[in-house]
C-alpha atoms as a PDB file:
ATOM      1  CA  MET A   1      90.481  70.735 125.845  1.00  0.00           C
ATOM      2  CA  LYS A   2      88.612  67.416 125.790  1.00  0.00           C
ATOM      3  CA  SER A   3      90.448  64.321 126.900  1.00  0.00           C
ATOM      4  CA  SER A   4      90.571  61.340 124.536  1.00  0.00           C
ATOM      5  CA  ARG A   5      88.335  59.473 126.996  1.00  0.00           C
ATOM      6  CA  THR A   6      85.683  62.233 126.799  1.00  0.00           C
ATOM      7  CA  SER A   7      85.916  62.294 122.984  1.00  0.00           C
ATOM      8  CA  ALA A   8      85.526  58.507 122.809  1.00  0.00           C
ATOM      9  CA  ARG A   9      82.519  58.634 125.152  1.00  0.00           C
ATOM     10  CA  THR A  10      80.911  61.336 123.012  1.00  0.00           C
ATOM     11  CA  ALA A  11      81.489  59.314 119.847  1.00  0.00           C
ATOM     12  CA  ASN A  12      80.025  56.186 121.461  1.00  0.00           C
ATOM     13  CA  ALA A  13      76.961  58.104 122.653  1.00  0.00           C
ATOM     14  CA  LYS A  14      76.327  59.334 119.110  1.00  0.00           C
ATOM     15  CA  THR A  15      76.632  55.864 117.583  1.00  0.00           C
ATOM     16  CA  ALA A  16      74.868  53.917 120.336  1.00  0.00           C
ATOM     17  CA  LYS A  17      71.883  51.946 119.054  1.00  0.00           C
ATOM     18  CA  LEU A  18      68.750  53.354 120.593  1.00  0.00           C
ATOM     19  CA  LEU A  19      66.290  51.027 122.253  1.00  0.00           C
ATOM     20  CA  VAL A  20      62.793  50.665 120.788  1.00  0.00           C
ATOM     21  CA  ALA A  21      61.384  52.852 123.593  1.00  0.00           C
ATOM     22  CA  MET A  22      63.779  55.637 122.628  1.00  0.00           C
ATOM     23  CA  THR A  23      62.645  55.824 119.004  1.00  0.00           C
ATOM     24  CA  GLY A  24      59.243  57.206 119.933  1.00  0.00           C
ATOM     25  CA  LYS A  25      57.551  53.918 118.977  1.00  0.00           C
ATOM     26  CA  ALA A  26      55.631  51.854 121.507  1.00  0.00           C
ATOM     27  CA  SER A  27      57.854  49.446 123.403  1.00  0.00           C
ATOM     28  CA  PRO A  28      56.956  45.754 123.400  1.00  0.00           C
ATOM     29  CA  ALA A  29      58.073  45.543 127.057  1.00  0.00           C
ATOM     30  CA  LYS A  30      55.408  44.495 129.534  1.00  0.00           C
ATOM     31  CA  ALA A  31      54.770  46.526 132.644  1.00  0.00           C
ATOM     32  CA  ALA A  32      56.954  45.571 135.584  1.00  0.00           C
ATOM     33  CA  GLU A  33      56.613  47.125 139.030  1.00  0.00           C
ATOM     34  CA  GLY A  34      59.436  47.652 141.500  1.00  0.00           C
ATOM     35  CA  ASP A  35      62.827  49.259 141.814  1.00  0.00           C
ATOM     36  CA  GLY A  36      64.670  46.517 139.889  1.00  0.00           C
ATOM     37  CA  PRO A  37      62.956  46.993 136.520  1.00  0.00           C
ATOM     38  CA  VAL A  38      63.444  50.769 136.686  1.00  0.00           C
ATOM     39  CA  PHE A  39      67.121  50.448 137.637  1.00  0.00           C
ATOM     40  CA  ALA A  40      67.604  47.953 134.770  1.00  0.00           C
ATOM     41  CA  TYR A  41      65.837  50.299 132.331  1.00  0.00           C
ATOM     42  CA  ILE A  42      68.046  53.212 133.381  1.00  0.00           C
ATOM     43  CA  ALA A  43      71.216  51.085 133.198  1.00  0.00           C
ATOM     44  CA  SER A  44      70.312  50.060 129.631  1.00  0.00           C
ATOM     45  CA  LEU A  45      70.322  53.643 128.349  1.00  0.00           C
ATOM     46  CA  PRO A  46      73.276  55.112 126.468  1.00  0.00           C
ATOM     47  CA  GLN A  47      74.862  58.342 127.688  1.00  0.00           C
ATOM     48  CA  PRO A  48      73.844  61.117 128.127  1.00  0.00           C
ATOM     49  CA  HIS A  49      70.351  59.651 128.577  1.00  0.00           C
ATOM     50  CA  ARG A  50      71.508  57.400 131.429  1.00  0.00           C
ATOM     51  CA  ALA A  51      72.990  60.279 133.430  1.00  0.00           C
ATOM     52  CA  ILE A  52      69.791  62.310 133.043  1.00  0.00           C
ATOM     53  CA  ALA A  53      67.568  59.365 134.035  1.00  0.00           C
ATOM     54  CA  GLU A  54      69.820  58.544 137.017  1.00  0.00           C
ATOM     55  CA  ARG A  55      69.567  62.122 138.288  1.00  0.00           C
ATOM     56  CA  ILE A  56      65.778  62.199 137.867  1.00  0.00           C
ATOM     57  CA  ASP A  57      65.509  58.896 139.749  1.00  0.00           C
ATOM     58  CA  ALA A  58      67.799  60.111 142.561  1.00  0.00           C
ATOM     59  CA  LEU A  59      65.875  63.381 142.847  1.00  0.00           C
ATOM     60  CA  ALA A  60      62.587  61.461 143.053  1.00  0.00           C
ATOM     61  CA  ALA A  61      64.012  59.269 145.841  1.00  0.00           C
ATOM     62  CA  GLU A  62      65.207  62.376 147.714  1.00  0.00           C
ATOM     63  CA  GLN A  63      61.833  64.125 147.452  1.00  0.00           C
ATOM     64  CA  LEU A  64      59.345  61.282 147.997  1.00  0.00           C
ATOM     65  CA  SER A  65      59.785  59.056 151.032  1.00  0.00           C
ATOM     66  CA  ASP A  66      57.173  56.490 149.948  1.00  0.00           C
ATOM     67  CA  LEU A  67      58.285  56.319 146.297  1.00  0.00           C
ATOM     68  CA  ARG A  68      56.990  53.513 144.059  1.00  0.00           C
ATOM     69  CA  ARG A  69      58.668  52.681 140.748  1.00  0.00           C
ATOM     70  CA  ALA A  70      57.576  50.758 137.656  1.00  0.00           C
ATOM     71  CA  VAL A  71      58.363  50.391 133.990  1.00  0.00           C
ATOM     72  CA  LYS A  72      55.290  51.043 131.853  1.00  0.00           C
ATOM     73  CA  TRP A  73      55.140  51.648 128.108  1.00  0.00           C
ATOM     74  CA  GLY A  74      58.946  51.591 127.906  1.00  0.00           C
ATOM     75  CA  MET A  75      59.417  54.393 130.471  1.00  0.00           C
ATOM     76  CA  ALA A  76      60.118  54.699 134.197  1.00  0.00           C
ATOM     77  CA  TYR A  77      57.006  55.642 136.209  1.00  0.00           C
ATOM     78  CA  TYR A  78      57.068  57.094 139.706  1.00  0.00           C
ATOM     79  CA  GLY A  79      54.240  57.218 142.206  1.00  0.00           C
ATOM     80  CA  VAL A  80      53.115  57.231 145.803  1.00  0.00           C
ATOM     81  CA  GLY A  81      50.415  55.185 147.475  1.00  0.00           C
ATOM     82  CA  GLY A  82      48.250  53.636 144.795  1.00  0.00           C
ATOM     83  CA  GLY A  83      48.728  56.348 142.168  1.00  0.00           C
ATOM     84  CA  TRP A  84      51.285  57.493 139.611  1.00  0.00           C
ATOM     85  CA  CYS A  85      52.715  61.013 139.598  1.00  0.00           C
ATOM     86  CA  PHE A  86      55.277  61.357 136.798  1.00  0.00           C
ATOM     87  CA  SER A  87      57.358  59.436 134.292  1.00  0.00           C
ATOM     88  CA  SER A  88      60.760  59.635 132.698  1.00  0.00           C
ATOM     89  CA  GLY A  89      61.447  58.265 129.250  1.00  0.00           C
ATOM     90  CA  ALA A  90      64.407  58.358 126.899  1.00  0.00           C
ATOM     91  CA  PHE A  91      63.884  59.356 123.281  1.00  0.00           C
ATOM     92  CA  VAL A  92      66.190  60.277 120.420  1.00  0.00           C
ATOM     93  CA  GLY A  93      68.089  63.387 121.545  1.00  0.00           C
ATOM     94  CA  HIS A  94      66.466  63.876 124.959  1.00  0.00           C
ATOM     95  CA  VAL A  95      64.803  62.476 128.070  1.00  0.00           C
ATOM     96  CA  LYS A  96      61.251  63.546 128.838  1.00  0.00           C
ATOM     97  CA  LEU A  97      60.218  64.166 132.439  1.00  0.00           C
ATOM     98  CA  MET A  98      56.421  64.179 132.292  1.00  0.00           C
ATOM     99  CA  PHE A  99      53.873  64.939 134.992  1.00  0.00           C
ATOM    100  CA  ILE A 100      50.529  63.166 134.568  1.00  0.00           C
ATOM    101  CA  ARG A 101      48.528  66.045 136.092  1.00  0.00           C
ATOM    102  CA  GLY A 102      50.945  68.684 134.851  1.00  0.00           C
ATOM    103  CA  THR A 103      48.324  71.318 134.073  1.00  0.00           C
ATOM    104  CA  GLU A 104      47.652  71.493 137.834  1.00  0.00           C
ATOM    105  CA  LEU A 105      51.288  72.248 138.761  1.00  0.00           C
ATOM    106  CA  GLU A 106      52.669  75.702 139.565  1.00  0.00           C
ATOM    107  CA  PRO A 107      54.335  76.838 137.442  1.00  0.00           C
ATOM    108  CA  GLU A 108      52.967  74.597 134.699  1.00  0.00           C
ATOM    109  CA  PRO A 109      55.752  72.644 132.946  1.00  0.00           C
ATOM    110  CA  PRO A 110      56.225  73.997 129.405  1.00  0.00           C
ATOM    111  CA  VAL A 111      56.062  70.896 127.161  1.00  0.00           C
ATOM    112  CA  THR A 112      52.804  69.205 126.113  1.00  0.00           C
ATOM    113  CA  PRO A 113      53.929  65.676 125.142  1.00  0.00           C
ATOM    114  CA  VAL A 114      52.224  64.103 122.142  1.00  0.00           C
ATOM    115  CA  ALA A 115      49.806  61.257 122.955  1.00  0.00           C
ATOM    116  CA  MET A 116      50.386  61.456 126.729  1.00  0.00           C
ATOM    117  CA  GLY A 117      47.013  62.838 127.805  1.00  0.00           C
ATOM    118  CA  LYS A 118      45.621  66.341 127.634  1.00  0.00           C
ATOM    119  CA  SER A 119      46.667  67.273 131.183  1.00  0.00           C
ATOM    120  CA  THR A 120      50.227  65.895 130.940  1.00  0.00           C
ATOM    121  CA  ARG A 121      53.036  68.440 130.879  1.00  0.00           C
ATOM    122  CA  GLY A 122      56.771  68.128 131.200  1.00  0.00           C
ATOM    123  CA  VAL A 123      60.248  69.100 130.135  1.00  0.00           C
ATOM    124  CA  GLU A 124      62.667  67.709 127.571  1.00  0.00           C
ATOM    125  CA  LEU A 125      66.245  67.341 128.790  1.00  0.00           C
ATOM    126  CA  ALA A 126      69.209  66.958 126.434  1.00  0.00           C
ATOM    127  CA  SER A 127      71.751  66.954 129.279  1.00  0.00           C
ATOM    128  CA  VAL A 128      71.879  66.757 133.073  1.00  0.00           C
ATOM    129  CA  ASP A 129      72.616  70.504 133.063  1.00  0.00           C
ATOM    130  CA  ASP A 130      69.154  71.119 131.537  1.00  0.00           C
ATOM    131  CA  LEU A 131      67.475  69.763 134.698  1.00  0.00           C
ATOM    132  CA  ASP A 132      66.378  72.589 137.009  1.00  0.00           C
ATOM    133  CA  GLU A 133      66.503  70.482 140.182  1.00  0.00           C
ATOM    134  CA  ARG A 134      64.756  73.036 142.387  1.00  0.00           C
ATOM    135  CA  LEU A 135      61.831  73.319 139.992  1.00  0.00           C
ATOM    136  CA  ALA A 136      61.688  69.571 139.263  1.00  0.00           C
ATOM    137  CA  ALA A 137      61.693  68.828 143.010  1.00  0.00           C
ATOM    138  CA  SER A 138      58.812  71.267 143.488  1.00  0.00           C
ATOM    139  CA  TRP A 139      56.851  69.598 140.687  1.00  0.00           C
ATOM    140  CA  MET A 140      57.567  66.139 142.134  1.00  0.00           C
ATOM    141  CA  LYS A 141      56.272  67.155 145.562  1.00  0.00           C
ATOM    142  CA  GLN A 142      53.175  68.802 144.070  1.00  0.00           C
ATOM    143  CA  ALA A 143      52.488  65.755 141.893  1.00  0.00           C
ATOM    144  CA  ALA A 144      52.849  63.424 144.904  1.00  0.00           C
ATOM    145  CA  ALA A 145      50.137  65.416 146.688  1.00  0.00           C
ATOM    146  CA  MET A 146      47.695  64.531 143.868  1.00  0.00           C
ATOM    147  CA  PRO A 147      48.656  61.164 142.309  1.00  0.00           C
ATOM    148  CA  PHE A 148      46.698  59.872 139.314  1.00  0.00           C
ATOM    149  CA  PHE A 149      44.483  56.912 140.204  1.00  0.00           C
ATOM    150  CA  GLY A 150      42.803  56.535 136.786  1.00  0.00           C
ATOM    151  CA  GLY A 151      42.538  53.500 134.609  1.00  0.00           C
ATOM    152  CA  LYS A 152      39.962  50.835 133.953  1.00  0.00           C
ATOM    153  CA  ARG A 153      37.581  49.964 136.722  1.00  0.00           C
ATOM    154  CA  ARG A 154      36.590  46.368 137.201  1.00  0.00           C
END
């Protein structure tokens, strides 16, 4: 039996206004590097998106000792050294955990995100229970061993 608090939370999550980044449209937010912008992004999400994003962030911190964070294109990005490894973004109905060089991971993550690059792969998570932490941790470690250093050269 659900408590009235749980029922109210569920109702609020269903009626919460989704941020621009969560509608699948490009976010007008500018890139911001550092822990603070990522923590603020995660805190701004309605449930259950926030709980999923918090667990992904905590798992990344547990797995990668030299973790870098940034908000880019309305999503949280995670990297090591000078490169980016994976991102986490909230969309209507789910959070995507996407690996930039996902086609090189073993096993290859199942989802090919639209407009994220031909080698990007990931998973779509509707709840925290959908996150296979053992597998996600393995992917995070593999991705950290081969961060993406692409972009424009000057």
